[in-house]
PDB file of all heavy atoms in Angstrom:
ATOM      1  N   PRO A   1      -9.243 -28.353 -12.573  1.00  0.00           N
ATOM      2  CA  PRO A   1     -10.606 -28.753 -12.911  1.00  0.00           C
ATOM      3  C   PRO A   1     -11.572 -27.583 -12.819  1.00  0.00           C
ATOM      4  O   PRO A   1     -11.439 -26.712 -11.975  1.00  0.00           O
ATOM      5  CB  PRO A   1     -10.931 -29.821 -11.852  1.00  0.00           C
ATOM      6  CG  PRO A   1     -10.028 -29.500 -10.711  1.00  0.00           C
ATOM      7  CD  PRO A   1      -8.777 -28.934 -11.315  1.00  0.00           C
ATOM      8  N   THR A   2     -12.556 -27.555 -13.703  1.00  0.00           N
ATOM      9  CA  THR A   2     -13.553 -26.498 -13.709  1.00  0.00           C
ATOM     10  C   THR A   2     -14.359 -26.544 -12.419  1.00  0.00           C
ATOM     11  O   THR A   2     -14.717 -27.608 -11.928  1.00  0.00           O
ATOM     12  CB  THR A   2     -14.494 -26.661 -14.916  1.00  0.00           C
ATOM     13  OG1 THR A   2     -13.707 -26.645 -16.106  1.00  0.00           O
ATOM     14  CG2 THR A   2     -15.521 -25.544 -14.962  1.00  0.00           C
ATOM     15  N   GLY A   3     -14.652 -25.368 -11.877  1.00  0.00           N
ATOM     16  CA  GLY A   3     -15.457 -25.290 -10.663  1.00  0.00           C
ATOM     17  C   GLY A   3     -14.650 -25.244  -9.392  1.00  0.00           C
ATOM     18  O   GLY A   3     -15.193 -25.017  -8.325  1.00  0.00           O
ATOM     19  N   GLU A   4     -13.351 -25.482  -9.473  1.00  0.00           N
ATOM     20  CA  GLU A   4     -12.501 -25.441  -8.292  1.00  0.00           C
ATOM     21  C   GLU A   4     -11.856 -24.056  -8.165  1.00  0.00           C
ATOM     22  O   GLU A   4     -11.691 -23.336  -9.145  1.00  0.00           O
ATOM     23  CB  GLU A   4     -11.402 -26.501  -8.373  1.00  0.00           C
ATOM     24  CG  GLU A   4     -11.913 -27.932  -8.387  1.00  0.00           C
ATOM     25  CD  GLU A   4     -12.348 -28.408  -7.018  1.00  0.00           C
ATOM     26  OE1 GLU A   4     -12.118 -27.664  -6.045  1.00  0.00           O
ATOM     27  OE2 GLU A   4     -12.893 -29.519  -6.924  1.00  0.00           O
ATOM     28  N   HIS A   5     -11.491 -23.711  -6.952  1.00  0.00           N
ATOM     29  CA  HIS A   5     -10.749 -22.485  -6.709  1.00  0.00           C
ATOM     30  C   HIS A   5      -9.289 -22.864  -6.443  1.00  0.00           C
ATOM     31  O   HIS A   5      -9.022 -23.866  -5.801  1.00  0.00           O
ATOM     32  CB  HIS A   5     -11.319 -21.736  -5.501  1.00  0.00           C
ATOM     33  CG  HIS A   5     -12.774 -21.402  -5.640  1.00  0.00           C
ATOM     34  ND1 HIS A   5     -13.763 -22.235  -5.165  1.00  0.00           N
ATOM     35  CD2 HIS A   5     -13.404 -20.342  -6.208  1.00  0.00           C
ATOM     36  CE1 HIS A   5     -14.945 -21.696  -5.428  1.00  0.00           C
ATOM     37  NE2 HIS A   5     -14.750 -20.554  -6.060  1.00  0.00           N
ATOM     38  N   TYR A   6      -8.384 -22.056  -6.927  1.00  0.00           N
ATOM     39  CA  TYR A   6      -6.992 -22.400  -6.741  1.00  0.00           C
ATOM     40  C   TYR A   6      -6.142 -21.134  -6.731  1.00  0.00           C
ATOM     41  O   TYR A   6      -6.618 -20.030  -7.018  1.00  0.00           O
ATOM     42  CB  TYR A   6      -6.508 -23.374  -7.819  1.00  0.00           C
ATOM     43  CG  TYR A   6      -6.694 -22.874  -9.231  1.00  0.00           C
ATOM     44  CD1 TYR A   6      -5.653 -22.235  -9.907  1.00  0.00           C
ATOM     45  CD2 TYR A   6      -7.906 -23.037  -9.891  1.00  0.00           C
ATOM     46  CE1 TYR A   6      -5.824 -21.760 -11.183  1.00  0.00           C
ATOM     47  CE2 TYR A   6      -8.080 -22.572 -11.177  1.00  0.00           C
ATOM     48  CZ  TYR A   6      -7.036 -21.932 -11.825  1.00  0.00           C
ATOM     49  OH  TYR A   6      -7.205 -21.463 -13.097  1.00  0.00           O
ATOM     50  N   GLN A   7      -4.878 -21.308  -6.389  1.00  0.00           N
ATOM     51  CA  GLN A   7      -3.944 -20.195  -6.306  1.00  0.00           C
ATOM     52  C   GLN A   7      -3.184 -20.020  -7.620  1.00  0.00           C
ATOM     53  O   GLN A   7      -2.864 -20.996  -8.286  1.00  0.00           O
ATOM     54  CB  GLN A   7      -2.908 -20.438  -5.207  1.00  0.00           C
ATOM     55  CG  GLN A   7      -3.474 -20.737  -3.841  1.00  0.00           C
ATOM     56  CD  GLN A   7      -2.367 -21.034  -2.845  1.00  0.00           C
ATOM     57  OE1 GLN A   7      -1.385 -20.315  -2.754  1.00  0.00           O
ATOM     58  NE2 GLN A   7      -2.536 -22.116  -2.077  1.00  0.00           N
ATOM     59  N   VAL A   8      -2.898 -18.774  -7.946  1.00  0.00           N
ATOM     60  CA  VAL A   8      -2.014 -18.468  -9.067  1.00  0.00           C
ATOM     61  C   VAL A   8      -0.863 -17.636  -8.498  1.00  0.00           C
ATOM     62  O   VAL A   8      -1.084 -16.538  -7.975  1.00  0.00           O
ATOM     63  CB  VAL A   8      -2.730 -17.684 -10.177  1.00  0.00           C
ATOM     64  CG1 VAL A   8      -1.748 -17.344 -11.301  1.00  0.00           C
ATOM     65  CG2 VAL A   8      -3.903 -18.482 -10.726  1.00  0.00           C
ATOM     66  N   ILE A   9       0.341 -18.174  -8.553  1.00  0.00           N
ATOM     67  CA  ILE A   9       1.526 -17.474  -8.040  1.00  0.00           C
ATOM     68  C   ILE A   9       2.214 -16.776  -9.212  1.00  0.00           C
ATOM     69  O   ILE A   9       2.671 -17.428 -10.144  1.00  0.00           O
ATOM     70  CB  ILE A   9       2.482 -18.444  -7.340  1.00  0.00           C
ATOM     71  CG1 ILE A   9       1.761 -19.147  -6.180  1.00  0.00           C
ATOM     72  CG2 ILE A   9       3.719 -17.709  -6.827  1.00  0.00           C
ATOM     73  CD1 ILE A   9       2.581 -20.211  -5.492  1.00  0.00           C
ATOM     74  N   HIS A  10       2.279 -15.482  -9.148  1.00  0.00           N
ATOM     75  CA  HIS A  10       2.810 -14.692 -10.253  1.00  0.00           C
ATOM     76  C   HIS A  10       4.316 -14.475 -10.095  1.00  0.00           C
ATOM     77  O   HIS A  10       4.836 -14.436  -8.978  1.00  0.00           O
ATOM     78  CB  HIS A  10       2.098 -13.339 -10.311  1.00  0.00           C
ATOM     79  CG  HIS A  10       0.623 -13.451 -10.524  1.00  0.00           C
ATOM     80  ND1 HIS A  10       0.040 -13.458 -11.774  1.00  0.00           N
ATOM     81  CD2 HIS A  10      -0.410 -13.584  -9.642  1.00  0.00           C
ATOM     82  CE1 HIS A  10      -1.266 -13.585 -11.657  1.00  0.00           C
ATOM     83  NE2 HIS A  10      -1.562 -13.669 -10.370  1.00  0.00           N
ATOM     84  N   PRO A  11       5.026 -14.301 -11.201  1.00  0.00           N
ATOM     85  CA  PRO A  11       6.464 -13.991 -11.113  1.00  0.00           C
ATOM     86  C   PRO A  11       6.671 -12.621 -10.492  1.00  0.00           C
ATOM     87  O   PRO A  11       5.797 -11.740 -10.569  1.00  0.00           O
ATOM     88  CB  PRO A  11       6.926 -14.028 -12.568  1.00  0.00           C
ATOM     89  CG  PRO A  11       5.689 -13.790 -13.377  1.00  0.00           C
ATOM     90  CD  PRO A  11       4.568 -14.419 -12.598  1.00  0.00           C
ATOM     91  N   PHE A  12       7.814 -12.440  -9.883  1.00  0.00           N
ATOM     92  CA  PHE A  12       8.111 -11.170  -9.233  1.00  0.00           C
ATOM     93  C   PHE A  12       8.310 -10.071 -10.263  1.00  0.00           C
ATOM     94  O   PHE A  12       8.959 -10.271 -11.298  1.00  0.00           O
ATOM     95  CB  PHE A  12       9.363 -11.299  -8.368  1.00  0.00           C
ATOM     96  CG  PHE A  12       9.889  -9.981  -7.876  1.00  0.00           C
ATOM     97  CD1 PHE A  12       9.180  -9.252  -6.935  1.00  0.00           C
ATOM     98  CD2 PHE A  12      11.078  -9.472  -8.368  1.00  0.00           C
ATOM     99  CE1 PHE A  12       9.661  -8.033  -6.472  1.00  0.00           C
ATOM    100  CE2 PHE A  12      11.571  -8.257  -7.907  1.00  0.00           C
ATOM    101  CZ  PHE A  12      10.856  -7.540  -6.966  1.00  0.00           C
ATOM    102  N   ALA A  13       7.757  -8.902  -9.987  1.00  0.00           N
ATOM    103  CA  ALA A  13       7.937  -7.724 -10.836  1.00  0.00           C
ATOM    104  C   ALA A  13       8.335  -6.560  -9.931  1.00  0.00           C
ATOM    105  O   ALA A  13       7.590  -6.214  -9.001  1.00  0.00           O
ATOM    106  CB  ALA A  13       6.659  -7.400 -11.601  1.00  0.00           C
ATOM    107  N   PRO A  14       9.494  -5.946 -10.147  1.00  0.00           N
ATOM    108  CA  PRO A  14       9.916  -4.826  -9.291  1.00  0.00           C
ATOM    109  C   PRO A  14       8.890  -3.694  -9.299  1.00  0.00           C
ATOM    110  O   PRO A  14       8.195  -3.477 -10.293  1.00  0.00           O
ATOM    111  CB  PRO A  14      11.239  -4.385  -9.939  1.00  0.00           C
ATOM    112  CG  PRO A  14      11.709  -5.575 -10.706  1.00  0.00           C
ATOM    113  CD  PRO A  14      10.471  -6.250 -11.204  1.00  0.00           C
ATOM    114  N   PHE A  15       8.808  -2.995  -8.188  1.00  0.00           N
ATOM    115  CA  PHE A  15       7.850  -1.897  -8.067  1.00  0.00           C
ATOM    116  C   PHE A  15       8.517  -0.722  -7.363  1.00  0.00           C
ATOM    117  O   PHE A  15       9.545  -0.863  -6.699  1.00  0.00           O
ATOM    118  CB  PHE A  15       6.609  -2.342  -7.278  1.00  0.00           C
ATOM    119  CG  PHE A  15       6.910  -2.826  -5.887  1.00  0.00           C
ATOM    120  CD1 PHE A  15       6.940  -1.960  -4.804  1.00  0.00           C
ATOM    121  CD2 PHE A  15       7.166  -4.170  -5.650  1.00  0.00           C
ATOM    122  CE1 PHE A  15       7.220  -2.407  -3.529  1.00  0.00           C
ATOM    123  CE2 PHE A  15       7.449  -4.631  -4.373  1.00  0.00           C
ATOM    124  CZ  PHE A  15       7.476  -3.747  -3.307  1.00  0.00           C
ATOM    125  N   SER A  16       7.934   0.449  -7.535  1.00  0.00           N
ATOM    126  CA  SER A  16       8.415   1.663  -6.885  1.00  0.00           C
ATOM    127  C   SER A  16       7.459   2.057  -5.768  1.00  0.00           C
ATOM    128  O   SER A  16       6.249   1.791  -5.842  1.00  0.00           O
ATOM    129  CB  SER A  16       8.520   2.809  -7.902  1.00  0.00           C
ATOM    130  OG  SER A  16       9.438   2.488  -8.928  1.00  0.00           O
ATOM    131  N   LEU A  17       7.994   2.686  -4.752  1.00  0.00           N
ATOM    132  CA  LEU A  17       7.175   3.137  -3.632  1.00  0.00           C
ATOM    133  C   LEU A  17       6.549   4.494  -3.947  1.00  0.00           C
ATOM    134  O   LEU A  17       7.261   5.434  -4.298  1.00  0.00           O
ATOM    135  CB  LEU A  17       8.025   3.267  -2.358  1.00  0.00           C
ATOM    136  CG  LEU A  17       8.367   1.997  -1.605  1.00  0.00           C
ATOM    137  CD1 LEU A  17       9.297   2.324  -0.440  1.00  0.00           C
ATOM    138  CD2 LEU A  17       7.108   1.318  -1.092  1.00  0.00           C
ATOM    139  N   PRO A  18       5.230   4.606  -3.822  1.00  0.00           N
ATOM    140  CA  PRO A  18       4.619   5.927  -3.976  1.00  0.00           C
ATOM    141  C   PRO A  18       4.937   6.795  -2.762  1.00  0.00           C
ATOM    142  O   PRO A  18       4.898   6.325  -1.623  1.00  0.00           O
ATOM    143  CB  PRO A  18       3.117   5.612  -4.063  1.00  0.00           C
ATOM    144  CG  PRO A  18       2.960   4.310  -3.341  1.00  0.00           C
ATOM    145  CD  PRO A  18       4.234   3.545  -3.581  1.00  0.00           C
ATOM    146  N   VAL A  19       5.270   8.046  -3.004  1.00  0.00           N
ATOM    147  CA  VAL A  19       5.641   8.972  -1.930  1.00  0.00           C
ATOM    148  C   VAL A  19       4.750  10.204  -2.004  1.00  0.00           C
ATOM    149  O   VAL A  19       4.556  10.779  -3.080  1.00  0.00           O
ATOM    150  CB  VAL A  19       7.114   9.406  -2.036  1.00  0.00           C
ATOM    151  CG1 VAL A  19       7.479  10.347  -0.893  1.00  0.00           C
ATOM    152  CG2 VAL A  19       8.031   8.185  -2.035  1.00  0.00           C
ATOM    153  N   SER A  20       4.184  10.589  -0.887  1.00  0.00           N
ATOM    154  CA  SER A  20       3.370  11.800  -0.810  1.00  0.00           C
ATOM    155  C   SER A  20       3.836  12.636   0.370  1.00  0.00           C
ATOM    156  O   SER A  20       4.485  12.128   1.289  1.00  0.00           O
ATOM    157  CB  SER A  20       1.889  11.457  -0.658  1.00  0.00           C
ATOM    158  OG  SER A  20       1.665  10.691   0.514  1.00  0.00           O
ATOM    159  N   GLN A  21       3.501  13.911   0.337  1.00  0.00           N
ATOM    160  CA  GLN A  21       3.887  14.829   1.412  1.00  0.00           C
ATOM    161  C   GLN A  21       2.640  15.467   2.004  1.00  0.00           C
ATOM    162  O   GLN A  21       1.733  15.880   1.281  1.00  0.00           O
ATOM    163  CB  GLN A  21       4.832  15.908   0.889  1.00  0.00           C
ATOM    164  CG  GLN A  21       6.196  15.384   0.504  1.00  0.00           C
ATOM    165  CD  GLN A  21       7.227  16.490   0.352  1.00  0.00           C
ATOM    166  OE1 GLN A  21       6.948  17.649   0.606  1.00  0.00           O
ATOM    167  NE2 GLN A  21       8.429  16.106  -0.056  1.00  0.00           N
ATOM    168  N   VAL A  22       2.624  15.534   3.333  1.00  0.00           N
ATOM    169  CA  VAL A  22       1.501  16.133   4.054  1.00  0.00           C
ATOM    170  C   VAL A  22       2.069  17.164   5.034  1.00  0.00           C
ATOM    171  O   VAL A  22       2.828  16.803   5.937  1.00  0.00           O
ATOM    172  CB  VAL A  22       0.686  15.070   4.820  1.00  0.00           C
ATOM    173  CG1 VAL A  22      -0.435  15.731   5.617  1.00  0.00           C
ATOM    174  CG2 VAL A  22       0.128  14.034   3.856  1.00  0.00           C
ATOM    175  N   PRO A  23       1.730  18.436   4.874  1.00  0.00           N
ATOM    176  CA  PRO A  23       2.232  19.454   5.812  1.00  0.00           C
ATOM    177  C   PRO A  23       1.446  19.432   7.118  1.00  0.00           C
ATOM    178  O   PRO A  23       0.226  19.277   7.122  1.00  0.00           O
ATOM    179  CB  PRO A  23       2.005  20.766   5.050  1.00  0.00           C
ATOM    180  CG  PRO A  23       0.856  20.475   4.137  1.00  0.00           C
ATOM    181  CD  PRO A  23       0.973  19.037   3.753  1.00  0.00           C
ATOM    182  N   VAL A  24       2.151  19.542   8.246  1.00  0.00           N
ATOM    183  CA  VAL A  24       1.526  19.601   9.567  1.00  0.00           C
ATOM    184  C   VAL A  24       2.184  20.707  10.371  1.00  0.00           C
ATOM    185  O   VAL A  24       3.354  21.052  10.155  1.00  0.00           O
ATOM    186  CB  VAL A  24       1.647  18.255  10.316  1.00  0.00           C
ATOM    187  CG1 VAL A  24       0.854  17.167   9.618  1.00  0.00           C
ATOM    188  CG2 VAL A  24       3.104  17.832  10.448  1.00  0.00           C
ATOM    189  N   CYS A  25       1.414  21.265  11.323  1.00  0.00           N
ATOM    190  CA  CYS A  25       1.920  22.381  12.134  1.00  0.00           C
ATOM    191  C   CYS A  25       2.503  21.944  13.460  1.00  0.00           C
ATOM    192  O   CYS A  25       3.495  22.500  13.936  1.00  0.00           O
ATOM    193  CB  CYS A  25       0.793  23.397  12.371  1.00  0.00           C
ATOM    194  SG  CYS A  25       0.231  24.238  10.887  1.00  0.00           S
ATOM    195  N   ASP A  26       1.862  20.954  14.117  1.00  0.00           N
ATOM    196  CA  ASP A  26       2.292  20.563  15.452  1.00  0.00           C
ATOM    197  C   ASP A  26       2.008  19.082  15.668  1.00  0.00           C
ATOM    198  O   ASP A  26       1.523  18.380  14.774  1.00  0.00           O
ATOM    199  CB  ASP A  26       1.587  21.415  16.508  1.00  0.00           C
ATOM    200  CG  ASP A  26       0.074  21.441  16.331  1.00  0.00           C
ATOM    201  OD1 ASP A  26      -0.496  20.412  15.898  1.00  0.00           O
ATOM    202  OD2 ASP A  26      -0.551  22.491  16.607  1.00  0.00           O
ATOM    203  N   ALA A  27       2.307  18.605  16.886  1.00  0.00           N
ATOM    204  CA  ALA A  27       2.158  17.185  17.202  1.00  0.00           C
ATOM    205  C   ALA A  27       0.711  16.724  17.098  1.00  0.00           C
ATOM    206  O   ALA A  27       0.428  15.618  16.630  1.00  0.00           O
ATOM    207  CB  ALA A  27       2.698  16.914  18.607  1.00  0.00           C
ATOM    208  N   ALA A  28      -0.222  17.568  17.534  1.00  0.00           N
ATOM    209  CA  ALA A  28      -1.633  17.198  17.478  1.00  0.00           C
ATOM    210  C   ALA A  28      -2.086  17.018  16.032  1.00  0.00           C
ATOM    211  O   ALA A  28      -2.802  16.068  15.689  1.00  0.00           O
ATOM    212  CB  ALA A  28      -2.481  18.249  18.186  1.00  0.00           C
ATOM    213  N   GLU A  29      -1.660  17.925  15.183  1.00  0.00           N
ATOM    214  CA  GLU A  29      -2.041  17.826  13.774  1.00  0.00           C
ATOM    215  C   GLU A  29      -1.349  16.640  13.108  1.00  0.00           C
ATOM    216  O   GLU A  29      -1.918  15.992  12.228  1.00  0.00           O
ATOM    217  CB  GLU A  29      -1.686  19.120  13.046  1.00  0.00           C
ATOM    218  CG  GLU A  29      -2.213  19.157  11.616  1.00  0.00           C
ATOM    219  CD  GLU A  29      -2.029  20.498  10.954  1.00  0.00           C
ATOM    220  OE1 GLU A  29      -1.876  21.500  11.671  1.00  0.00           O
ATOM    221  OE2 GLU A  29      -2.046  20.544   9.708  1.00  0.00           O
ATOM    222  N   LEU A  30      -0.111  16.343  13.543  1.00  0.00           N
ATOM    223  CA  LEU A  30       0.596  15.173  13.018  1.00  0.00           C
ATOM    224  C   LEU A  30      -0.168  13.902  13.336  1.00  0.00           C
ATOM    225  O   LEU A  30      -0.364  13.044  12.462  1.00  0.00           O
ATOM    226  CB  LEU A  30       2.003  15.110  13.612  1.00  0.00           C
ATOM    227  CG  LEU A  30       2.805  13.820  13.327  1.00  0.00           C
ATOM    228  CD1 LEU A  30       3.017  13.640  11.835  1.00  0.00           C
ATOM    229  CD2 LEU A  30       4.142  13.852  14.065  1.00  0.00           C
ATOM    230  N   HIS A  31      -0.615  13.756  14.574  1.00  0.00           N
ATOM    231  CA  HIS A  31      -1.369  12.560  14.965  1.00  0.00           C
ATOM    232  C   HIS A  31      -2.660  12.443  14.164  1.00  0.00           C
ATOM    233  O   HIS A  31      -3.012  11.359  13.676  1.00  0.00           O
ATOM    234  CB  HIS A  31      -1.690  12.610  16.459  1.00  0.00           C
ATOM    235  CG  HIS A  31      -2.512  11.448  16.933  1.00  0.00           C
ATOM    236  ND1 HIS A  31      -2.005  10.176  17.071  1.00  0.00           N
ATOM    237  CD2 HIS A  31      -3.838  11.374  17.280  1.00  0.00           C
ATOM    238  CE1 HIS A  31      -2.957   9.365  17.484  1.00  0.00           C
ATOM    239  NE2 HIS A  31      -4.080  10.064  17.626  1.00  0.00           N
ATOM    240  N   ALA A  32      -3.363  13.555  14.002  1.00  0.00           N
ATOM    241  CA  ALA A  32      -4.614  13.531  13.246  1.00  0.00           C
ATOM    242  C   ALA A  32      -4.366  13.176  11.785  1.00  0.00           C
ATOM    243  O   ALA A  32      -5.123  12.415  11.171  1.00  0.00           O
ATOM    244  CB  ALA A  32      -5.310  14.893  13.351  1.00  0.00           C
ATOM    245  N   ALA A  33      -3.278  13.703  11.220  1.00  0.00           N
ATOM    246  CA  ALA A  33      -2.956  13.415   9.827  1.00  0.00           C
ATOM    247  C   ALA A  33      -2.584  11.943   9.643  1.00  0.00           C
ATOM    248  O   ALA A  33      -2.956  11.314   8.639  1.00  0.00           O
ATOM    249  CB  ALA A  33      -1.810  14.315   9.362  1.00  0.00           C
ATOM    250  N   GLU A  34      -1.857  11.381  10.592  1.00  0.00           N
ATOM    251  CA  GLU A  34      -1.517   9.956  10.525  1.00  0.00           C
ATOM    252  C   GLU A  34      -2.771   9.097  10.532  1.00  0.00           C
ATOM    253  O   GLU A  34      -2.890   8.128   9.759  1.00  0.00           O
ATOM    254  CB  GLU A  34      -0.610   9.587  11.700  1.00  0.00           C
ATOM    255  CG  GLU A  34       0.799  10.150  11.614  1.00  0.00           C
ATOM    256  CD  GLU A  34       1.605   9.875  12.858  1.00  0.00           C
ATOM    257  OE1 GLU A  34       0.994   9.697  13.947  1.00  0.00           O
ATOM    258  OE2 GLU A  34       2.849   9.827  12.771  1.00  0.00           O
TER     259      GLU A  34
END
C-alpha cells in the first residue's frame, strides 16, 4: 500500500573483497594506522 514502509529482500549477488596495503614501521604506527 502507498505510504507504508516495507522491506525489499534482494537476491544474492557474489562480491569480491577490496584489498589495500598500508606500510607501517613499528607497533605504535600499526596501532595508529588501524
